Amino acid sequence: MKLKMEVFPPPGVDDRQACIFAFQEDKLLLFNDSGKDKKEEKYWLPKKHELRKAGIQVGSLFYLGTLGEKPFYTAEVVYVNNSSKEIALLGLREVFGLINDDLFEVASHARQILHWDKTHRYCCCCGTPTGYSNTERAKVCPGCNSVYYPRIAPAIIVAVHRGDKILLARNQRFRRNYYSVLAGFVEAGGSLEDCLKREVREETGIEVKKIKYFASQSWPFPNALMVGFTAEYAGGEIKLDGKEIADAGWFSAESLPPVPGKVSIARSLIDHFINKQK
């Protein structure tokens, strides 16, 4: 089931059933019901009346749309009592698996809407405070009529195969000691395919061929659209760029290093490679 995205609630929407994706900075607020056994711990999105009852204050509500018959909003948390045991503030990576996949996708959308609102409070052309459009998801400058829509940053991510091995690398910025497939942001004026070839070449010295589209994923850290591909090795030897990549190598399905969790398209690409070897 997918979210029916809308900017304004249509007539007849029952807001009593509306759930709120409430964020405090980059953390999503969930209610939880902890049993004696931690394995029984359950999490859910609060409804409007639950937020009020818990004394949680939020800012402006942004309507997201409906999932099934249930409406959803998102808002920034203004005040929350962090000592309450019934409330959890979790990063989106931590939320994966605690709520169903459909809700996780909506959470990604919600976080990007709030990021857009926060980063477009003033017109970047003349500095005038912006206002909201009455017809679409946009901010409008009353001074110079500039219009600002929620933006996404397209990026490629690619699994490069060489026979029964996959090219994995460890980025200098990774907090944990895991390896992943290569990725990079598309530059202005460039195509996805050009970006893919450039990133692989610049980061590892490898040339690729037979590029095939795999899938895409919204990645709200803060506003990327990851476009996934597979590609085959075409030549070259691994030579690290000396900047972003700390290590890289060819790995078989039986000898993989630690890899990203299942929340990411990177893991989907790696799992796809593993399944092809069976």
Protein backbone atom coordinates (compact mmCIF):
# COMPACT_ATOMS: atom_id res chain seq x y z
CA MET A 1 0.00 0.00 0.00
CA LYS A 2 1.34 3.43 -0.97
CA LEU A 3 0.67 6.86 0.43
CA LYS A 4 -1.78 8.88 -1.65
CA MET A 5 0.21 12.11 -1.56
CA GLU A 6 -1.75 15.33 -1.24
CA VAL A 7 -0.97 18.87 -0.12
CA PHE A 8 -4.34 19.74 1.40
CA PRO A 9 -6.84 17.43 3.15
CA PRO A 10 -9.88 16.84 0.94
CA PRO A 11 -13.39 17.41 2.31
CA GLY A 12 -14.60 14.67 4.63
CA VAL A 13 -11.22 13.63 6.04
CA ASP A 14 -11.63 12.49 9.65
CA ASP A 15 -8.75 14.15 11.48
CA ARG A 16 -9.59 12.23 14.66
CA GLN A 17 -7.84 9.24 13.07
CA ALA A 18 -4.90 11.27 11.78
CA CYS A 19 -1.43 10.12 12.78
CA ILE A 20 1.46 12.54 13.18
CA PHE A 21 5.05 12.05 12.07
CA ALA A 22 6.51 14.36 14.70
CA PHE A 23 10.24 15.04 14.49
CA GLN A 24 12.57 16.59 17.02
CA GLU A 25 15.47 17.60 14.79
CA ASP A 26 16.27 14.31 12.99
CA LYS A 27 14.52 11.97 15.42
CA LEU A 28 11.00 10.60 14.98
CA LEU A 29 8.71 10.59 18.00
CA LEU A 30 6.99 7.26 18.62
CA PHE A 31 4.88 6.00 21.50
CA ASN A 32 5.85 2.64 22.91
CA ASP A 33 4.31 0.00 25.11
CA SER A 34 7.07 -1.85 26.95
CA GLY A 35 6.29 -5.27 28.34
CA LYS A 36 8.42 -7.10 30.86
CA ASP A 37 10.17 -8.81 28.00
CA LYS A 38 11.82 -6.25 25.67
CA LYS A 39 10.94 -8.49 22.71
CA GLU A 40 7.30 -7.52 23.30
CA GLU A 41 8.00 -3.80 22.99
CA LYS A 42 5.66 -2.18 20.46
CA TYR A 43 5.87 1.22 18.81
CA TRP A 44 3.22 3.33 17.11
CA LEU A 45 2.72 6.77 15.61
CA PRO A 46 0.74 9.09 17.87
CA LYS A 47 -2.60 10.57 16.93
CA LYS A 48 -3.38 14.23 17.53
CA HIS A 49 -5.24 13.61 20.78
CA GLU A 50 -2.40 11.41 22.10
CA LEU A 51 0.10 14.22 21.57
CA ARG A 52 -2.15 16.67 23.41
CA LYS A 53 -2.76 14.22 26.27
CA ALA A 54 0.99 13.64 26.67
CA GLY A 55 1.63 17.38 26.76
CA ILE A 56 3.67 17.30 23.55
CA GLN A 57 3.62 20.52 21.58
CA VAL A 58 4.24 20.62 17.83
CA GLY A 59 4.58 23.41 15.28
CA SER A 60 2.73 23.83 12.00
CA LEU A 61 1.13 20.66 10.67
CA PHE A 62 1.79 19.64 7.07
CA TYR A 63 -0.73 17.31 5.49
CA LEU A 64 0.91 14.37 3.69
CA GLY A 65 -2.03 12.35 2.36
CA THR A 66 -3.75 9.08 3.17
CA LEU A 67 -2.56 5.51 3.56
CA GLY A 68 -5.64 3.39 3.13
CA GLU A 69 -8.30 5.49 4.82
CA LYS A 70 -6.01 6.99 7.47
CA PRO A 71 -4.70 10.57 7.06
CA PHE A 72 -1.15 11.55 7.99
CA TYR A 73 0.53 14.81 8.96
CA THR A 74 4.05 15.80 9.85
CA ALA A 75 5.30 18.50 12.24
CA GLU A 76 8.32 19.62 14.21
CA VAL A 77 8.25 18.96 17.96
CA VAL A 78 8.30 22.19 19.96
CA TYR A 79 8.22 20.59 23.41
CA VAL A 80 8.40 17.02 24.70
CA ASN A 81 9.07 15.57 28.14
CA ASN A 82 12.02 13.30 27.29
CA SER A 83 11.79 11.55 30.66
CA SER A 84 8.53 9.82 29.76
CA LYS A 85 8.97 6.07 29.36
CA GLU A 86 6.09 5.96 26.89
CA ILE A 87 7.90 8.16 24.37
CA ALA A 88 10.83 7.22 22.15
CA LEU A 89 12.84 9.59 19.94
CA LEU A 90 14.62 7.54 17.29
CA GLY A 91 16.62 8.23 14.14
CA LEU A 92 15.06 6.90 10.95
CA ARG A 93 17.65 4.14 10.64
CA GLU A 94 16.63 2.94 14.12
CA VAL A 95 12.95 3.11 13.19
CA PHE A 96 13.34 0.61 10.34
CA GLY A 97 11.71 -2.65 11.43
CA LEU A 98 9.83 -1.03 14.32
CA ILE A 99 7.08 0.25 12.04
CA ASN A 100 5.91 -1.39 8.81
CA ASP A 101 7.62 -0.64 5.50
CA ASP A 102 4.75 1.48 4.16
CA LEU A 103 4.92 3.76 7.19
CA PHE A 104 8.70 3.94 6.93
CA GLU A 105 8.35 5.28 3.37
CA VAL A 106 5.91 7.92 4.61
CA ALA A 107 8.36 8.83 7.39
CA SER A 108 11.01 9.44 4.74
CA HIS A 109 8.62 11.74 2.87
CA ALA A 110 7.66 13.53 6.08
CA ARG A 111 11.23 14.23 7.09
CA GLN A 112 12.00 15.76 3.70
CA ILE A 113 8.96 18.05 3.88
CA LEU A 114 10.13 19.39 7.25
CA HIS A 115 13.67 19.85 5.91
CA TRP A 116 12.24 21.88 2.99
CA ASP A 117 10.21 24.03 5.38
CA LYS A 118 13.18 24.68 7.64
CA THR A 119 15.63 25.57 4.86
CA HIS A 120 13.31 27.84 2.84
CA ARG A 121 12.04 30.27 5.44
CA TYR A 122 13.65 33.15 3.59
CA CYS A 123 13.97 33.88 -0.10
CA CYS A 124 17.51 33.18 -1.28
CA CYS A 125 17.15 35.88 -3.97
CA CYS A 126 16.06 38.88 -1.89
CA GLY A 127 15.95 37.70 1.74
CA THR A 128 12.22 38.28 2.25
CA PRO A 129 10.40 35.80 4.54
CA THR A 130 8.53 33.29 2.39
CA GLY A 131 4.89 32.25 2.60
CA TYR A 132 3.03 29.09 1.63
CA SER A 133 1.32 28.58 -1.71
CA ASN A 134 -2.46 28.15 -1.59
CA THR A 135 -2.47 25.71 -4.51
CA GLU A 136 0.60 23.45 -4.26
CA ARG A 137 3.47 22.27 -2.07
CA ALA A 138 5.63 25.34 -2.51
CA LYS A 139 6.88 28.45 -0.76
CA VAL A 140 6.45 31.81 -2.44
CA CYS A 141 8.40 35.01 -1.89
CA PRO A 142 6.06 38.03 -1.63
CA GLY A 143 8.96 40.31 -2.49
CA CYS A 144 10.17 38.94 -5.84
CA ASN A 145 7.67 36.10 -6.54
CA SER A 146 10.34 33.37 -6.43
CA VAL A 147 8.87 29.89 -5.87
CA TYR A 148 10.57 27.13 -3.86
CA TYR A 149 9.53 23.48 -4.11
CA PRO A 150 10.81 20.58 -1.97
CA ARG A 151 14.09 19.60 -3.57
CA ILE A 152 15.77 16.26 -4.03
CA ALA A 153 19.41 15.55 -4.80
CA PRO A 154 19.78 12.69 -7.32
CA ALA A 155 22.58 10.23 -6.63
CA ILE A 156 23.68 6.96 -8.21
CA ILE A 157 24.51 3.79 -6.32
CA VAL A 158 25.98 0.81 -8.16
CA ALA A 159 26.92 -2.82 -7.60
CA VAL A 160 29.86 -3.65 -9.87
CA HIS A 161 30.25 -7.38 -10.64
CA ARG A 162 33.38 -9.19 -11.79
CA GLY A 163 32.41 -12.78 -12.38
CA ASP A 164 31.34 -14.16 -9.01
CA LYS A 165 32.67 -11.18 -7.05
CA ILE A 166 31.31 -7.75 -6.15
CA LEU A 167 33.21 -4.49 -5.68
CA LEU A 168 32.76 -3.14 -2.14
CA ALA A 169 34.44 -0.20 -0.46
CA ARG A 170 34.73 1.37 2.98
CA ASN A 171 34.19 5.11 2.99
CA GLN A 172 36.23 7.32 5.30
CA ARG A 173 32.99 8.81 6.64
CA PHE A 174 31.38 5.50 7.66
CA ARG A 175 30.84 5.50 11.41
CA ARG A 176 31.01 1.74 11.56
CA ASN A 177 33.56 -0.57 10.02
CA TYR A 178 31.40 -1.82 7.14
CA TYR A 179 31.75 -1.98 3.37
CA SER A 180 29.20 -0.98 0.77
CA VAL A 181 28.67 -0.49 -2.95
CA LEU A 182 29.81 2.78 -4.53
CA ALA A 183 27.64 5.88 -4.69
CA GLY A 184 27.86 9.55 -5.60
CA PHE A 185 25.79 12.64 -6.34
CA VAL A 186 24.95 13.66 -9.89
CA GLU A 187 26.59 16.93 -10.92
CA ALA A 188 24.77 19.73 -12.73
CA GLY A 189 24.63 19.01 -16.46
CA GLY A 190 25.54 15.33 -16.03
CA SER A 191 23.59 12.14 -16.70
CA LEU A 192 23.12 9.23 -14.31
CA GLU A 193 25.30 7.00 -16.48
CA ASP A 194 28.11 9.57 -16.71
CA CYS A 195 27.99 10.04 -12.94
CA LEU A 196 28.18 6.29 -12.37
CA LYS A 197 31.22 5.80 -14.58
CA ARG A 198 32.97 8.83 -13.10
CA GLU A 199 32.36 7.88 -9.47
CA VAL A 200 33.58 4.30 -9.93
CA ARG A 201 36.65 5.47 -11.86
CA GLU A 202 37.55 8.30 -9.48
CA GLU A 203 37.05 6.29 -6.28
CA THR A 204 38.54 2.94 -7.28
CA GLY A 205 40.18 3.24 -10.72
CA ILE A 206 37.79 0.66 -12.19
CA GLU A 207 36.05 0.97 -15.59
CA VAL A 208 32.56 -0.48 -16.05
CA LYS A 209 30.21 -1.62 -18.83
CA LYS A 210 26.69 -3.04 -19.30
CA ILE A 211 25.00 -0.62 -16.93
CA LYS A 212 21.49 -1.72 -15.95
CA TYR A 213 18.86 0.04 -13.88
CA PHE A 214 18.00 -1.79 -10.63
CA ALA A 215 15.67 0.31 -8.43
CA SER A 216 15.43 3.64 -6.64
CA GLN A 217 14.96 4.73 -3.04
CA SER A 218 14.15 7.98 -1.31
CA TRP A 219 16.97 8.61 1.16
CA PRO A 220 16.05 11.38 3.64
CA PHE A 221 19.56 12.18 4.94
CA PRO A 222 18.49 14.82 4.22
CA ASN A 223 16.93 14.77 0.74
CA ALA A 224 18.59 12.36 -1.69
CA LEU A 225 17.03 10.14 -4.33
CA MET A 226 19.23 7.06 -4.70
CA VAL A 227 19.06 5.57 -8.21
CA GLY A 228 20.44 2.04 -8.16
CA PHE A 229 22.26 0.24 -10.97
CA THR A 230 24.26 -2.89 -11.62
CA ALA A 231 27.31 -2.87 -13.89
CA GLU A 232 30.02 -5.24 -15.04
CA TYR A 233 33.76 -4.87 -14.68
CA ALA A 234 35.38 -3.59 -17.89
CA GLY A 235 39.00 -3.07 -16.85
CA GLY A 236 41.49 -1.48 -14.49
CA GLU A 237 43.02 -2.29 -11.12
CA ILE A 238 41.81 -0.99 -7.78
CA LYS A 239 43.48 2.30 -6.95
CA LEU A 240 41.99 4.22 -4.03
CA ASP A 241 41.22 7.90 -4.50
CA GLY A 242 43.05 8.86 -1.30
CA LYS A 243 40.13 11.07 -0.23
CA GLU A 244 36.80 9.32 0.35
CA ILE A 245 37.68 5.64 0.12
CA ALA A 246 39.67 4.00 2.93
CA ASP A 247 39.67 0.50 1.42
CA ALA A 248 38.11 -1.44 -1.46
CA GLY A 249 38.19 -4.95 -2.83
CA TRP A 250 36.47 -7.74 -4.75
CA PHE A 251 34.43 -10.04 -2.52
CA SER A 252 32.63 -13.33 -3.15
CA ALA A 253 29.22 -14.08 -1.65
CA GLU A 254 30.90 -16.43 0.84
CA SER A 255 33.49 -13.90 2.07
CA LEU A 256 31.58 -10.64 2.46
CA PRO A 257 32.77 -8.09 5.03
CA PRO A 258 30.24 -6.35 7.30
CA VAL A 259 27.65 -4.64 5.05
CA PRO A 260 24.85 -2.06 5.56
CA GLY A 261 21.53 -2.97 7.15
CA LYS A 262 18.39 -3.86 5.22
CA VAL A 263 16.99 -0.33 5.37
CA SER A 264 19.12 0.77 2.41
CA ILE A 265 19.10 0.14 -1.33
CA ALA A 266 22.81 -0.61 -0.91
CA ARG A 267 21.87 -3.77 0.98
CA SER A 268 19.26 -4.64 -1.67
CA LEU A 269 21.96 -4.48 -4.34
CA ILE A 270 24.28 -6.68 -2.27
CA ASP A 271 21.49 -9.18 -1.53
CA HIS A 272 20.66 -9.27 -5.25
CA PHE A 273 24.27 -10.20 -5.96
CA ILE A 274 24.22 -12.92 -3.29
CA ASN A 275 21.01 -14.44 -4.64
CA LYS A 276 22.45 -14.61 -8.15
CA GLN A 277 25.31 -16.78 -6.87
CA LYS A 278 22.98 -19.46 -5.48
